[in-house]
Amino acid sequence: HLRVHILPFPWINECRVQELLQEGLTRSQGAPPATRGDKKCVVPAGP
């Protein structure tokens, strides 16, 4: 962390973050919910 050639982490633009979040929300509202396709079956009773 004392090295000079490493640039500090840039500040985050809060307005841009909000825009990206809003954009993602509007895209996800129209899409069907993502579900994992677990295959259900009749559980074997065994002996």
ModelCIF file with pLDDT and N, C-alpha, C, O atoms, coordinates in Angstrom:
data_MODEL
#
_entry.id   MODEL 
#
_entity.id                         1 
_entity.type                       polymer 
_entity.pdbx_number_of_molecules   1 
#
_entity_poly.entity_id                      1 
_entity_poly.type                           'polypeptide(L)' 
_entity_poly.nstd_linkage                   no 
_entity_poly.nstd_monomer                   no 
_entity_poly.pdbx_seq_one_letter_code       HLRVHILPFPWINECRVQELLQEGLTRSQGAPPATRGDKKCVVPAGP 
_entity_poly.pdbx_seq_one_letter_code_can   HLRVHILPFPWINECRVQELLQEGLTRSQGAPPATRGDKKCVVPAGP 
_entity_poly.pdbx_strand_id                 A 
#
loop_
_entity_poly_seq.entity_id 
_entity_poly_seq.num 
_entity_poly_seq.mon_id 
_entity_poly_seq.hetero 
1 1  HIS n 
1 2  LEU n 
1 3  ARG n 
1 4  VAL n 
1 5  HIS n 
1 6  ILE n 
1 7  LEU n 
1 8  PRO n 
1 9  PHE n 
1 10 PRO n 
1 11 TRP n 
1 12 ILE n 
1 13 ASN n 
1 14 GLU n 
1 15 CYS n 
1 16 ARG n 
1 17 VAL n 
1 18 GLN n 
1 19 GLU n 
1 20 LEU n 
1 21 LEU n 
1 22 GLN n 
1 23 GLU n 
1 24 GLY n 
1 25 LEU n 
1 26 THR n 
1 27 ARG n 
1 28 SER n 
1 29 GLN n 
1 30 GLY n 
1 31 ALA n 
1 32 PRO n 
1 33 PRO n 
1 34 ALA n 
1 35 THR n 
1 36 ARG n 
1 37 GLY n 
1 38 ASP n 
1 39 LYS n 
1 40 LYS n 
1 41 CYS n 
1 42 VAL n 
1 43 VAL n 
1 44 PRO n 
1 45 ALA n 
1 46 GLY n 
1 47 PRO n 
#
_struct_asym.id          A 
_struct_asym.entity_id   1 
#
loop_
_ma_qa_metric.id 
_ma_qa_metric.mode 
_ma_qa_metric.name 
_ma_qa_metric.software_group_id 
_ma_qa_metric.type 
1 global pLDDT . pLDDT 
2 local  pLDDT . pLDDT 
#
_ma_qa_metric_global.metric_id      1 
_ma_qa_metric_global.metric_value   77.09 
_ma_qa_metric_global.model_id       1 
_ma_qa_metric_global.ordinal_id     1 
#
loop_
_ma_qa_metric_local.label_asym_id 
_ma_qa_metric_local.label_comp_id 
_ma_qa_metric_local.label_seq_id 
_ma_qa_metric_local.metric_id 
_ma_qa_metric_local.metric_value 
_ma_qa_metric_local.model_id 
_ma_qa_metric_local.ordinal_id 
A HIS 1  2 69.00 1 1  
A LEU 2  2 70.00 1 2  
A ARG 3  2 70.00 1 3  
A VAL 4  2 69.00 1 4  
A HIS 5  2 71.00 1 5  
A ILE 6  2 66.00 1 6  
A LEU 7  2 72.00 1 7  
A PRO 8  2 72.00 1 8  
A PHE 9  2 76.00 1 9  
A PRO 10 2 80.00 1 10 
A TRP 11 2 86.00 1 11 
A ILE 12 2 88.00 1 12 
A ASN 13 2 90.00 1 13 
A GLU 14 2 92.00 1 14 
A CYS 15 2 93.00 1 15 
A ARG 16 2 92.00 1 16 
A VAL 17 2 91.00 1 17 
A GLN 18 2 93.00 1 18 
A GLU 19 2 93.00 1 19 
A LEU 20 2 91.00 1 20 
A LEU 21 2 91.00 1 21 
A GLN 22 2 91.00 1 22 
A GLU 23 2 90.00 1 23 
A GLY 24 2 87.00 1 24 
A LEU 25 2 87.00 1 25 
A THR 26 2 86.00 1 26 
A ARG 27 2 84.00 1 27 
A SER 28 2 80.00 1 28 
A GLN 29 2 82.00 1 29 
A GLY 30 2 73.00 1 30 
A ALA 31 2 68.00 1 31 
A PRO 32 2 66.00 1 32 
A PRO 33 2 61.00 1 33 
A ALA 34 2 59.00 1 34 
A THR 35 2 58.00 1 35 
A ARG 36 2 56.00 1 36 
A GLY 37 2 59.00 1 37 
A ASP 38 2 65.00 1 38 
A LYS 39 2 71.00 1 39 
A LYS 40 2 75.00 1 40 
A CYS 41 2 72.00 1 41 
A VAL 42 2 73.00 1 42 
A VAL 43 2 75.00 1 43 
A PRO 44 2 75.00 1 44 
A ALA 45 2 72.00 1 45 
A GLY 46 2 72.00 1 46 
A PRO 47 2 71.00 1 47 
#
loop_
_atom_site.group_PDB 
_atom_site.id 
_atom_site.type_symbol 
_atom_site.label_atom_id 
_atom_site.label_alt_id 
_atom_site.label_comp_id 
_atom_site.label_asym_id 
_atom_site.label_entity_id 
_atom_site.label_seq_id 
_atom_site.pdbx_PDB_ins_code 
_atom_site.Cartn_x 
_atom_site.Cartn_y 
_atom_site.Cartn_z 
_atom_site.occupancy 
_atom_site.B_iso_or_equiv 
_atom_site.pdbx_formal_charge 
_atom_site.auth_seq_id 
_atom_site.auth_comp_id 
_atom_site.auth_asym_id 
_atom_site.auth_atom_id 
_atom_site.pdbx_PDB_model_num 
ATOM 1   N N  . HIS A 1 1  ? 0.824   -1.215  0.000   1.00 69.00 ? 1  HIS A N  1 
ATOM 2   C CA . HIS A 1 1  ? 0.000   0.000   0.000   1.00 69.00 ? 1  HIS A CA 1 
ATOM 3   C C  . HIS A 1 1  ? 0.860   1.267   0.000   1.00 69.00 ? 1  HIS A C  1 
ATOM 4   O O  . HIS A 1 1  ? 0.348   2.358   -0.251  1.00 69.00 ? 1  HIS A O  1 
ATOM 5   N N  . LEU A 1 2  ? 2.141   1.133   0.275   1.00 70.00 ? 2  LEU A N  1 
ATOM 6   C CA . LEU A 1 2  ? 3.026   2.289   0.302   1.00 70.00 ? 2  LEU A CA 1 
ATOM 7   C C  . LEU A 1 2  ? 3.617   2.601   -1.064  1.00 70.00 ? 2  LEU A C  1 
ATOM 8   O O  . LEU A 1 2  ? 4.246   3.646   -1.239  1.00 70.00 ? 2  LEU A O  1 
ATOM 9   N N  . ARG A 1 3  ? 3.430   1.727   -2.020  1.00 70.00 ? 3  ARG A N  1 
ATOM 10  C CA . ARG A 1 3  ? 4.003   1.937   -3.349  1.00 70.00 ? 3  ARG A CA 1 
ATOM 11  C C  . ARG A 1 3  ? 3.331   3.109   -4.055  1.00 70.00 ? 3  ARG A C  1 
ATOM 12  O O  . ARG A 1 3  ? 2.121   3.298   -3.935  1.00 70.00 ? 3  ARG A O  1 
ATOM 13  N N  . VAL A 1 4  ? 4.094   3.878   -4.772  1.00 69.00 ? 4  VAL A N  1 
ATOM 14  C CA . VAL A 1 4  ? 3.603   5.088   -5.421  1.00 69.00 ? 4  VAL A CA 1 
ATOM 15  C C  . VAL A 1 4  ? 2.885   4.766   -6.729  1.00 69.00 ? 4  VAL A C  1 
ATOM 16  O O  . VAL A 1 4  ? 1.934   5.463   -7.083  1.00 69.00 ? 4  VAL A O  1 
ATOM 17  N N  . HIS A 1 5  ? 3.305   3.740   -7.452  1.00 71.00 ? 5  HIS A N  1 
ATOM 18  C CA . HIS A 1 5  ? 2.758   3.468   -8.772  1.00 71.00 ? 5  HIS A CA 1 
ATOM 19  C C  . HIS A 1 5  ? 1.337   2.882   -8.743  1.00 71.00 ? 5  HIS A C  1 
ATOM 20  O O  . HIS A 1 5  ? 0.711   2.762   -9.796  1.00 71.00 ? 5  HIS A O  1 
ATOM 21  N N  . ILE A 1 6  ? 0.823   2.520   -7.581  1.00 66.00 ? 6  ILE A N  1 
ATOM 22  C CA . ILE A 1 6  ? -0.541  1.993   -7.494  1.00 66.00 ? 6  ILE A CA 1 
ATOM 23  C C  . ILE A 1 6  ? -1.493  3.160   -7.277  1.00 66.00 ? 6  ILE A C  1 
ATOM 24  O O  . ILE A 1 6  ? -1.369  3.915   -6.313  1.00 66.00 ? 6  ILE A O  1 
ATOM 25  N N  . LEU A 1 7  ? -2.434  3.289   -8.184  1.00 72.00 ? 7  LEU A N  1 
ATOM 26  C CA . LEU A 1 7  ? -3.396  4.377   -8.100  1.00 72.00 ? 7  LEU A CA 1 
ATOM 27  C C  . LEU A 1 7  ? -4.452  4.059   -7.048  1.00 72.00 ? 7  LEU A C  1 
ATOM 28  O O  . LEU A 1 7  ? -4.824  2.896   -6.888  1.00 72.00 ? 7  LEU A O  1 
ATOM 29  N N  . PRO A 1 8  ? -4.934  5.046   -6.342  1.00 72.00 ? 8  PRO A N  1 
ATOM 30  C CA . PRO A 1 8  ? -5.991  4.799   -5.358  1.00 72.00 ? 8  PRO A CA 1 
ATOM 31  C C  . PRO A 1 8  ? -7.302  4.446   -6.068  1.00 72.00 ? 8  PRO A C  1 
ATOM 32  O O  . PRO A 1 8  ? -7.515  4.810   -7.224  1.00 72.00 ? 8  PRO A O  1 
ATOM 33  N N  . PHE A 1 9  ? -8.160  3.741   -5.361  1.00 76.00 ? 9  PHE A N  1 
ATOM 34  C CA . PHE A 1 9  ? -9.452  3.350   -5.922  1.00 76.00 ? 9  PHE A CA 1 
ATOM 35  C C  . PHE A 1 9  ? -10.271 4.607   -6.198  1.00 76.00 ? 9  PHE A C  1 
ATOM 36  O O  . PHE A 1 9  ? -10.368 5.477   -5.333  1.00 76.00 ? 9  PHE A O  1 
ATOM 37  N N  . PRO A 1 10 ? -10.859 4.717   -7.381  1.00 80.00 ? 10 PRO A N  1 
ATOM 38  C CA . PRO A 1 10 ? -11.597 5.953   -7.719  1.00 80.00 ? 10 PRO A CA 1 
ATOM 39  C C  . PRO A 1 10 ? -12.902 6.055   -6.924  1.00 80.00 ? 10 PRO A C  1 
ATOM 40  O O  . PRO A 1 10 ? -13.462 5.056   -6.472  1.00 80.00 ? 10 PRO A O  1 
ATOM 41  N N  . TRP A 1 11 ? -13.359 7.288   -6.774  1.00 86.00 ? 11 TRP A N  1 
ATOM 42  C CA . TRP A 1 11 ? -14.625 7.530   -6.091  1.00 86.00 ? 11 TRP A CA 1 
ATOM 43  C C  . TRP A 1 11 ? -15.776 7.040   -6.965  1.00 86.00 ? 11 TRP A C  1 
ATOM 44  O O  . TRP A 1 11 ? -15.709 7.096   -8.192  1.00 86.00 ? 11 TRP A O  1 
ATOM 45  N N  . ILE A 1 12 ? -16.804 6.572   -6.329  1.00 88.00 ? 12 ILE A N  1 
ATOM 46  C CA . ILE A 1 12 ? -17.968 6.048   -7.050  1.00 88.00 ? 12 ILE A CA 1 
ATOM 47  C C  . ILE A 1 12 ? -18.971 7.173   -7.246  1.00 88.00 ? 12 ILE A C  1 
ATOM 48  O O  . ILE A 1 12 ? -19.288 7.903   -6.306  1.00 88.00 ? 12 ILE A O  1 
ATOM 49  N N  . ASN A 1 13 ? -19.466 7.310   -8.465  1.00 90.00 ? 13 ASN A N  1 
ATOM 50  C CA . ASN A 1 13 ? -20.445 8.317   -8.801  1.00 90.00 ? 13 ASN A CA 1 
ATOM 51  C C  . ASN A 1 13 ? -21.827 7.785   -8.394  1.00 90.00 ? 13 ASN A C  1 
ATOM 52  O O  . ASN A 1 13 ? -22.358 6.882   -9.041  1.00 90.00 ? 13 ASN A O  1 
ATOM 53  N N  . GLU A 1 14 ? -22.402 8.341   -7.331  1.00 92.00 ? 14 GLU A N  1 
ATOM 54  C CA . GLU A 1 14 ? -23.673 7.852   -6.792  1.00 92.00 ? 14 GLU A CA 1 
ATOM 55  C C  . GLU A 1 14 ? -24.809 7.973   -7.802  1.00 92.00 ? 14 GLU A C  1 
ATOM 56  O O  . GLU A 1 14 ? -25.665 7.092   -7.875  1.00 92.00 ? 14 GLU A O  1 
ATOM 57  N N  . CYS A 1 15 ? -24.829 9.029   -8.565  1.00 93.00 ? 15 CYS A N  1 
ATOM 58  C CA . CYS A 1 15 ? -25.887 9.225   -9.560  1.00 93.00 ? 15 CYS A CA 1 
ATOM 59  C C  . CYS A 1 15 ? -25.837 8.119   -10.616 1.00 93.00 ? 15 CYS A C  1 
ATOM 60  O O  . CYS A 1 15 ? -26.870 7.575   -11.007 1.00 93.00 ? 15 CYS A O  1 
ATOM 61  N N  . ARG A 1 16 ? -24.628 7.794   -11.071 1.00 92.00 ? 16 ARG A N  1 
ATOM 62  C CA . ARG A 1 16 ? -24.470 6.751   -12.095 1.00 92.00 ? 16 ARG A CA 1 
ATOM 63  C C  . ARG A 1 16 ? -24.883 5.378   -11.535 1.00 92.00 ? 16 ARG A C  1 
ATOM 64  O O  . ARG A 1 16 ? -25.481 4.571   -12.246 1.00 92.00 ? 16 ARG A O  1 
ATOM 65  N N  . VAL A 1 17 ? -24.563 5.122   -10.271 1.00 91.00 ? 17 VAL A N  1 
ATOM 66  C CA . VAL A 1 17 ? -24.961 3.856   -9.635  1.00 91.00 ? 17 VAL A CA 1 
ATOM 67  C C  . VAL A 1 17 ? -26.478 3.759   -9.594  1.00 91.00 ? 17 VAL A C  1 
ATOM 68  O O  . VAL A 1 17 ? -27.035 2.707   -9.906  1.00 91.00 ? 17 VAL A O  1 
ATOM 69  N N  . GLN A 1 18 ? -27.155 4.837   -9.212  1.00 93.00 ? 18 GLN A N  1 
ATOM 70  C CA . GLN A 1 18 ? -28.612 4.842   -9.162  1.00 93.00 ? 18 GLN A CA 1 
ATOM 71  C C  . GLN A 1 18 ? -29.217 4.623   -10.546 1.00 93.00 ? 18 GLN A C  1 
ATOM 72  O O  . GLN A 1 18 ? -30.204 3.903   -10.696 1.00 93.00 ? 18 GLN A O  1 
ATOM 73  N N  . GLU A 1 19 ? -28.612 5.256   -11.557 1.00 93.00 ? 19 GLU A N  1 
ATOM 74  C CA . GLU A 1 19 ? -29.091 5.066   -12.929 1.00 93.00 ? 19 GLU A CA 1 
ATOM 75  C C  . GLU A 1 19 ? -28.971 3.604   -13.347 1.00 93.00 ? 19 GLU A C  1 
ATOM 76  O O  . GLU A 1 19 ? -29.899 3.050   -13.937 1.00 93.00 ? 19 GLU A O  1 
ATOM 77  N N  . LEU A 1 20 ? -27.849 2.985   -13.051 1.00 91.00 ? 20 LEU A N  1 
ATOM 78  C CA . LEU A 1 20 ? -27.638 1.575   -13.414 1.00 91.00 ? 20 LEU A CA 1 
ATOM 79  C C  . LEU A 1 20 ? -28.607 0.653   -12.671 1.00 91.00 ? 20 LEU A C  1 
ATOM 80  O O  . LEU A 1 20 ? -29.130 -0.301  -13.247 1.00 91.00 ? 20 LEU A O  1 
ATOM 81  N N  . LEU A 1 21 ? -28.839 0.941   -11.402 1.00 91.00 ? 21 LEU A N  1 
ATOM 82  C CA . LEU A 1 21 ? -29.793 0.140   -10.632 1.00 91.00 ? 21 LEU A CA 1 
ATOM 83  C C  . LEU A 1 21 ? -31.203 0.261   -11.209 1.00 91.00 ? 21 LEU A C  1 
ATOM 84  O O  . LEU A 1 21 ? -31.901 -0.739  -11.373 1.00 91.00 ? 21 LEU A O  1 
ATOM 85  N N  . GLN A 1 22 ? -31.609 1.473   -11.512 1.00 91.00 ? 22 GLN A N  1 
ATOM 86  C CA . GLN A 1 22 ? -32.938 1.703   -12.077 1.00 91.00 ? 22 GLN A CA 1 
ATOM 87  C C  . GLN A 1 22 ? -33.082 1.019   -13.428 1.00 91.00 ? 22 GLN A C  1 
ATOM 88  O O  . GLN A 1 22 ? -34.121 0.432   -13.730 1.00 91.00 ? 22 GLN A O  1 
ATOM 89  N N  . GLU A 1 23 ? -32.041 1.098   -14.232 1.00 90.00 ? 23 GLU A N  1 
ATOM 90  C CA . GLU A 1 23 ? -32.047 0.467   -15.553 1.00 90.00 ? 23 GLU A CA 1 
ATOM 91  C C  . GLU A 1 23 ? -32.186 -1.057  -15.409 1.00 90.00 ? 23 GLU A C  1 
ATOM 92  O O  . GLU A 1 23 ? -32.937 -1.687  -16.154 1.00 90.00 ? 23 GLU A O  1 
ATOM 93  N N  . GLY A 1 24 ? -31.478 -1.628  -14.473 1.00 87.00 ? 24 GLY A N  1 
ATOM 94  C CA . GLY A 1 24 ? -31.564 -3.070  -14.237 1.00 87.00 ? 24 GLY A CA 1 
ATOM 95  C C  . GLY A 1 24 ? -32.932 -3.485  -13.725 1.00 87.00 ? 24 GLY A C  1 
ATOM 96  O O  . GLY A 1 24 ? -33.453 -4.529  -14.116 1.00 87.00 ? 24 GLY A O  1 
ATOM 97  N N  . LEU A 1 25 ? -33.519 -2.671  -12.851 1.00 87.00 ? 25 LEU A N  1 
ATOM 98  C CA . LEU A 1 25 ? -34.854 -2.975  -12.333 1.00 87.00 ? 25 LEU A CA 1 
ATOM 99  C C  . LEU A 1 25 ? -35.907 -2.941  -13.431 1.00 87.00 ? 25 LEU A C  1 
ATOM 100 O O  . LEU A 1 25 ? -36.771 -3.817  -13.480 1.00 87.00 ? 25 LEU A O  1 
ATOM 101 N N  . THR A 1 26 ? -35.853 -1.965  -14.297 1.00 86.00 ? 26 THR A N  1 
ATOM 102 C CA . THR A 1 26 ? -36.843 -1.879  -15.380 1.00 86.00 ? 26 THR A CA 1 
ATOM 103 C C  . THR A 1 26 ? -36.699 -3.061  -16.341 1.00 86.00 ? 26 THR A C  1 
ATOM 104 O O  . THR A 1 26 ? -37.694 -3.571  -16.856 1.00 86.00 ? 26 THR A O  1 
ATOM 105 N N  . ARG A 1 27 ? -35.466 -3.491  -16.580 1.00 84.00 ? 27 ARG A N  1 
ATOM 106 C CA . ARG A 1 27 ? -35.253 -4.661  -17.450 1.00 84.00 ? 27 ARG A CA 1 
ATOM 107 C C  . ARG A 1 27 ? -35.770 -5.941  -16.801 1.00 84.00 ? 27 ARG A C  1 
ATOM 108 O O  . ARG A 1 27 ? -36.361 -6.785  -17.474 1.00 84.00 ? 27 ARG A O  1 
ATOM 109 N N  . SER A 1 28 ? -35.549 -6.086  -15.494 1.00 80.00 ? 28 SER A N  1 
ATOM 110 C CA . SER A 1 28 ? -35.930 -7.327  -14.824 1.00 80.00 ? 28 SER A CA 1 
ATOM 111 C C  . SER A 1 28 ? -37.428 -7.431  -14.569 1.00 80.00 ? 28 SER A C  1 
ATOM 112 O O  . SER A 1 28 ? -37.938 -8.538  -14.394 1.00 80.00 ? 28 SER A O  1 
ATOM 113 N N  . GLN A 1 29 ? -38.149 -6.310  -14.542 1.00 82.00 ? 29 GLN A N  1 
ATOM 114 C CA . GLN A 1 29 ? -39.589 -6.354  -14.292 1.00 82.00 ? 29 GLN A CA 1 
ATOM 115 C C  . GLN A 1 29 ? -40.338 -7.006  -15.447 1.00 82.00 ? 29 GLN A C  1 
ATOM 116 O O  . GLN A 1 29 ? -41.357 -7.662  -15.229 1.00 82.00 ? 29 GLN A O  1 
ATOM 117 N N  . GLY A 1 30 ? -39.857 -6.838  -16.651 1.00 73.00 ? 30 GLY A N  1 
ATOM 118 C CA . GLY A 1 30 ? -40.526 -7.414  -17.809 1.00 73.00 ? 30 GLY A CA 1 
ATOM 119 C C  . GLY A 1 30 ? -40.137 -8.861  -18.060 1.00 73.00 ? 30 GLY A C  1 
ATOM 120 O O  . GLY A 1 30 ? -40.847 -9.581  -18.763 1.00 73.00 ? 30 GLY A O  1 
ATOM 121 N N  . ALA A 1 31 ? -39.020 -9.292  -17.495 1.00 68.00 ? 31 ALA A N  1 
ATOM 122 C CA . ALA A 1 31 ? -38.534 -10.656 -17.737 1.00 68.00 ? 31 ALA A CA 1 
ATOM 123 C C  . ALA A 1 31 ? -39.182 -11.639 -16.771 1.00 68.00 ? 31 ALA A C  1 
ATOM 124 O O  . ALA A 1 31 ? -39.498 -11.273 -15.639 1.00 68.00 ? 31 ALA A O  1 
ATOM 125 N N  . PRO A 1 32 ? -39.386 -12.889 -17.204 1.00 66.00 ? 32 PRO A N  1 
ATOM 126 C CA . PRO A 1 32 ? -39.938 -13.887 -16.288 1.00 66.00 ? 32 PRO A CA 1 
ATOM 127 C C  . PRO A 1 32 ? -38.916 -14.199 -15.199 1.00 66.00 ? 32 PRO A C  1 
ATOM 128 O O  . PRO A 1 32 ? -37.713 -14.084 -15.432 1.00 66.00 ? 32 PRO A O  1 
ATOM 129 N N  . PRO A 1 33 ? -39.383 -14.596 -14.002 1.00 61.00 ? 33 PRO A N  1 
ATOM 130 C CA . PRO A 1 33 ? -38.448 -14.871 -12.916 1.00 61.00 ? 33 PRO A CA 1 
ATOM 131 C C  . PRO A 1 33 ? -37.561 -16.076 -13.249 1.00 61.00 ? 33 PRO A C  1 
ATOM 132 O O  . PRO A 1 33 ? -38.017 -17.082 -13.793 1.00 61.00 ? 33 PRO A O  1 
ATOM 133 N N  . ALA A 1 34 ? -36.309 -15.937 -12.912 1.00 59.00 ? 34 ALA A N  1 
ATOM 134 C CA . ALA A 1 34 ? -35.352 -17.022 -13.170 1.00 59.00 ? 34 ALA A CA 1 
ATOM 135 C C  . ALA A 1 34 ? -35.512 -18.088 -12.092 1.00 59.00 ? 34 ALA A C  1 
ATOM 136 O O  . ALA A 1 34 ? -35.383 -17.800 -10.902 1.00 59.00 ? 34 ALA A O  1 
ATOM 137 N N  . THR A 1 35 ? -35.788 -19.303 -12.507 1.00 58.00 ? 35 THR A N  1 
ATOM 138 C CA . THR A 1 35 ? -35.920 -20.400 -11.555 1.00 58.00 ? 35 THR A CA 1 
ATOM 139 C C  . THR A 1 35 ? -34.983 -21.516 -11.956 1.00 58.00 ? 35 THR A C  1 
ATOM 140 O O  . THR A 1 35 ? -34.707 -21.739 -13.134 1.00 58.00 ? 35 THR A O  1 
ATOM 141 N N  . ARG A 1 36 ? -34.509 -22.201 -10.954 1.00 56.00 ? 36 ARG A N  1 
ATOM 142 C CA . ARG A 1 36 ? -33.629 -23.324 -11.196 1.00 56.00 ? 36 ARG A CA 1 
ATOM 143 C C  . ARG A 1 36 ? -34.487 -24.533 -11.496 1.00 56.00 ? 36 ARG A C  1 
ATOM 144 O O  . ARG A 1 36 ? -35.457 -24.795 -10.785 1.00 56.00 ? 36 ARG A O  1 
ATOM 145 N N  . GLY A 1 37 ? -34.156 -25.256 -12.510 1.00 59.00 ? 37 GLY A N  1 
ATOM 146 C CA . GLY A 1 37 ? -34.963 -26.392 -12.949 1.00 59.00 ? 37 GLY A CA 1 
ATOM 147 C C  . GLY A 1 37 ? -34.634 -27.667 -12.204 1.00 59.00 ? 37 GLY A C  1 
ATOM 148 O O  . GLY A 1 37 ? -34.056 -28.588 -12.782 1.00 59.00 ? 37 GLY A O  1 
ATOM 149 N N  . ASP A 1 38 ? -34.996 -27.742 -10.911 1.00 65.00 ? 38 ASP A N  1 
ATOM 150 C CA . ASP A 1 38 ? -34.806 -28.989 -10.174 1.00 65.00 ? 38 ASP A CA 1 
ATOM 151 C C  . ASP A 1 38 ? -35.804 -30.014 -10.670 1.00 65.00 ? 38 ASP A C  1 
ATOM 152 O O  . ASP A 1 38 ? -36.997 -29.733 -10.785 1.00 65.00 ? 38 ASP A O  1 
ATOM 153 N N  . LYS A 1 39 ? -35.317 -31.184 -10.959 1.00 71.00 ? 39 LYS A N  1 
ATOM 154 C CA . LYS A 1 39 ? -36.189 -32.242 -11.458 1.00 71.00 ? 39 LYS A CA 1 
ATOM 155 C C  . LYS A 1 39 ? -36.797 -32.975 -10.273 1.00 71.00 ? 39 LYS A C  1 
ATOM 156 O O  . LYS A 1 39 ? -36.092 -33.608 -9.486  1.00 71.00 ? 39 LYS A O  1 
ATOM 157 N N  . LYS A 1 40 ? -38.110 -32.878 -10.158 1.00 75.00 ? 40 LYS A N  1 
ATOM 158 C CA . LYS A 1 40 ? -38.793 -33.566 -9.076  1.00 75.00 ? 40 LYS A CA 1 
ATOM 159 C C  . LYS A 1 40 ? -39.184 -34.949 -9.559  1.00 75.00 ? 40 LYS A C  1 
ATOM 160 O O  . LYS A 1 40 ? -39.480 -35.157 -10.736 1.00 75.00 ? 40 LYS A O  1 
ATOM 161 N N  . CYS A 1 41 ? -39.180 -35.888 -8.629  1.00 72.00 ? 41 CYS A N  1 
ATOM 162 C CA . CYS A 1 41 ? -39.534 -37.255 -8.968  1.00 72.00 ? 41 CYS A CA 1 
ATOM 163 C C  . CYS A 1 41 ? -40.160 -37.913 -7.747  1.00 72.00 ? 41 CYS A C  1 
ATOM 164 O O  . CYS A 1 41 ? -40.154 -37.351 -6.652  1.00 72.00 ? 41 CYS A O  1 
ATOM 165 N N  . VAL A 1 42 ? -40.690 -39.089 -7.946  1.00 73.00 ? 42 VAL A N  1 
ATOM 166 C CA . VAL A 1 42 ? -41.242 -39.858 -6.844  1.00 73.00 ? 42 VAL A CA 1 
ATOM 167 C C  . VAL A 1 42 ? -40.050 -40.432 -6.083  1.00 73.00 ? 42 VAL A C  1 
ATOM 168 O O  . VAL A 1 42 ? -39.197 -41.106 -6.660  1.00 73.00 ? 42 VAL A O  1 
ATOM 169 N N  . VAL A 1 43 ? -40.004 -40.158 -4.791  1.00 75.00 ? 43 VAL A N  1 
ATOM 170 C CA . VAL A 1 43 ? -38.887 -40.608 -3.967  1.00 75.00 ? 43 VAL A CA 1 
ATOM 171 C C  . VAL A 1 43 ? -38.974 -42.119 -3.795  1.00 75.00 ? 43 VAL A C  1 
ATOM 172 O O  . VAL A 1 43 ? -40.023 -42.635 -3.410  1.00 75.00 ? 43 VAL A O  1 
ATOM 173 N N  . PRO A 1 44 ? -37.879 -42.840 -4.075  1.00 75.00 ? 44 PRO A N  1 
ATOM 174 C CA . PRO A 1 44 ? -37.929 -44.298 -3.915  1.00 75.00 ? 44 PRO A CA 1 
ATOM 175 C C  . PRO A 1 44 ? -38.077 -44.670 -2.448  1.00 75.00 ? 44 PRO A C  1 
ATOM 176 O O  . PRO A 1 44 ? -37.379 -44.130 -1.590  1.00 75.00 ? 44 PRO A O  1 
ATOM 177 N N  . ALA A 1 45 ? -38.979 -45.586 -2.166  1.00 72.00 ? 45 ALA A N  1 
ATOM 178 C CA . ALA A 1 45 ? -39.252 -45.974 -0.787  1.00 72.00 ? 45 ALA A CA 1 
ATOM 179 C C  . ALA A 1 45 ? -38.145 -46.832 -0.205  1.00 72.00 ? 45 ALA A C  1 
ATOM 180 O O  . ALA A 1 45 ? -37.879 -46.761 0.995   1.00 72.00 ? 45 ALA A O  1 
ATOM 181 N N  . GLY A 1 46 ? -37.505 -47.630 -1.018  1.00 72.00 ? 46 GLY A N  1 
ATOM 182 C CA . GLY A 1 46 ? -36.467 -48.519 -0.498  1.00 72.00 ? 46 GLY A CA 1 
ATOM 183 C C  . GLY A 1 46 ? -37.099 -49.722 0.186   1.00 72.00 ? 46 GLY A C  1 
ATOM 184 O O  . GLY A 1 46 ? -38.322 -49.863 0.204   1.00 72.00 ? 46 GLY A O  1 
ATOM 185 N N  . PRO A 1 47 ? -36.270 -50.581 0.745   1.00 71.00 ? 47 PRO A N  1 
ATOM 186 C CA . PRO A 1 47 ? -36.803 -51.775 1.395   1.00 71.00 ? 47 PRO A CA 1 
ATOM 187 C C  . PRO A 1 47 ? -37.510 -51.421 2.690   1.00 71.00 ? 47 PRO A C  1 
ATOM 188 O O  . PRO A 1 47 ? -38.023 -52.306 3.375   1.00 71.00 ? 47 PRO A O  1 
#
